[in-house]
Protein backbone atom coordinates (compact mmCIF):
# COMPACT_ATOMS: atom_id res chain seq x y z
CA MET A 1 12.03 -55.22 54.25
CA ALA A 2 13.02 -55.07 50.59
CA THR A 3 12.38 -51.93 48.63
CA THR A 4 11.42 -51.98 45.01
CA THR A 5 12.23 -49.33 42.46
CA SER A 6 10.07 -48.36 39.55
CA SER A 7 11.22 -48.70 35.98
CA LEU A 8 10.36 -45.00 35.74
CA THR A 9 13.13 -44.09 38.22
CA LYS A 10 15.51 -43.34 35.36
CA TYR A 11 13.20 -40.51 34.27
CA SER A 12 13.05 -38.76 37.65
CA VAL A 13 14.77 -35.43 38.13
CA ARG A 14 17.73 -35.70 40.48
CA PRO A 15 19.58 -32.69 41.87
CA SER A 16 23.25 -32.50 41.00
CA GLY A 17 26.24 -30.52 42.22
CA MET A 18 25.43 -27.74 44.67
CA GLU A 19 21.69 -28.44 44.43
CA ALA A 20 22.21 -31.89 45.95
CA GLN A 21 24.25 -30.48 48.85
CA GLN A 22 22.01 -27.54 49.75
CA THR A 23 19.17 -27.84 52.20
CA THR A 24 16.07 -26.10 50.92
CA ILE A 25 13.42 -24.44 53.01
CA SER A 26 9.85 -24.59 51.79
CA ASP A 27 8.80 -21.22 50.38
CA PRO A 28 5.04 -20.90 49.79
CA THR A 29 5.65 -18.37 47.00
CA VAL A 30 7.64 -20.91 44.96
CA PRO A 31 5.48 -23.49 43.14
CA ASP A 32 6.07 -27.10 44.17
CA GLN A 33 7.15 -29.20 41.18
CA PHE A 34 5.23 -32.19 42.56
CA ALA A 35 2.04 -30.30 43.39
CA ALA A 36 -1.12 -31.04 41.43
CA PRO A 37 -1.12 -29.09 38.18
CA SER A 38 -3.38 -26.08 38.02
CA LYS A 39 -6.00 -25.70 35.32
CA VAL A 40 -4.60 -24.54 32.00
CA LYS A 41 -5.97 -21.20 30.80
CA GLY A 42 -6.77 -21.35 27.10
CA GLY A 43 -5.06 -23.53 24.53
CA ARG A 44 -4.34 -27.22 24.90
CA GLY A 45 -5.95 -29.29 27.61
CA THR A 46 -8.96 -27.05 28.08
CA GLY A 47 -11.62 -29.32 26.56
CA ARG A 48 -13.64 -31.97 28.32
CA ARG A 49 -11.16 -34.60 27.14
CA VAL A 50 -7.47 -34.42 26.30
CA GLY A 51 -5.87 -36.64 23.67
CA VAL A 52 -2.63 -38.43 24.50
CA ALA A 53 -0.57 -40.18 21.84
CA VAL A 54 1.13 -43.48 22.60
CA ARG A 55 3.74 -44.77 20.18
CA LEU A 56 4.30 -48.52 20.05
CA GLY A 57 6.24 -50.88 17.88
CA HIS A 58 4.10 -53.05 15.60
CA GLU A 59 4.69 -56.23 17.65
CA ASP A 60 3.76 -54.50 20.93
CA TRP A 61 0.68 -52.96 19.31
CA ALA A 62 -0.38 -56.38 17.97
CA ARG A 63 0.03 -57.96 21.43
CA LEU A 64 -2.01 -55.19 23.06
CA HIS A 65 -4.64 -55.39 20.36
CA ASP A 66 -4.96 -59.16 20.87
CA LEU A 67 -5.26 -58.65 24.64
CA ALA A 68 -7.96 -56.02 24.15
CA VAL A 69 -9.92 -58.38 21.88
CA ARG A 70 -9.60 -61.24 24.39
CA GLU A 71 -10.66 -58.95 27.26
CA ARG A 72 -13.50 -57.48 25.14
CA THR A 73 -12.31 -53.95 25.75
CA SER A 74 -10.45 -51.24 23.85
CA LEU A 75 -6.82 -50.17 23.90
CA GLN A 76 -8.10 -47.04 25.66
CA GLY A 77 -9.62 -49.22 28.40
CA LEU A 78 -6.40 -51.21 28.83
CA ILE A 79 -4.28 -48.06 29.02
CA VAL A 80 -6.57 -46.33 31.53
CA ALA A 81 -6.71 -49.50 33.68
CA GLY A 82 -2.92 -49.84 33.62
CA LEU A 83 -2.32 -46.19 34.49
CA SER A 84 -4.94 -46.36 37.24
CA ASN A 85 -3.17 -49.37 38.76
CA LEU A 86 0.12 -47.49 38.63
CA MET A 87 -1.42 -44.47 40.36
CA GLU A 88 -2.92 -46.67 43.10
CA GLN A 89 0.44 -48.39 43.67
CA ARG A 90 1.88 -44.97 44.41
CA GLY A 91 -0.90 -44.08 46.84
CA LEU A 92 -2.70 -41.76 44.44
CA PRO A 93 -6.37 -41.88 43.48
CA PRO A 94 -7.04 -43.91 40.32
CA LEU A 95 -8.10 -42.33 37.04
CA SER A 96 -11.82 -41.98 36.54
CA GLY A 97 -11.61 -43.13 32.93
CA ARG A 98 -14.44 -40.79 31.94
């Protein structure tokens, strides 16, 4: 059975040196870095919606814009659909898009 790796693998945090050699025991008092984030108290991310900036080159933006026009949707819709598919591929619930 072949395994596939994500193009996002290069961004994952890998232990190095002694961290890679040590066996860790789960400690409930230490927050899990992969646990669902808790609600933010005050400041950014507290509103009903949170803005996320995406930076694209002009050619990539033009291609996405053309796709959105052909699909009769928005760039927002394309991005949410793509991220939802990515979440589902990893066994996570899709984004609600609301």
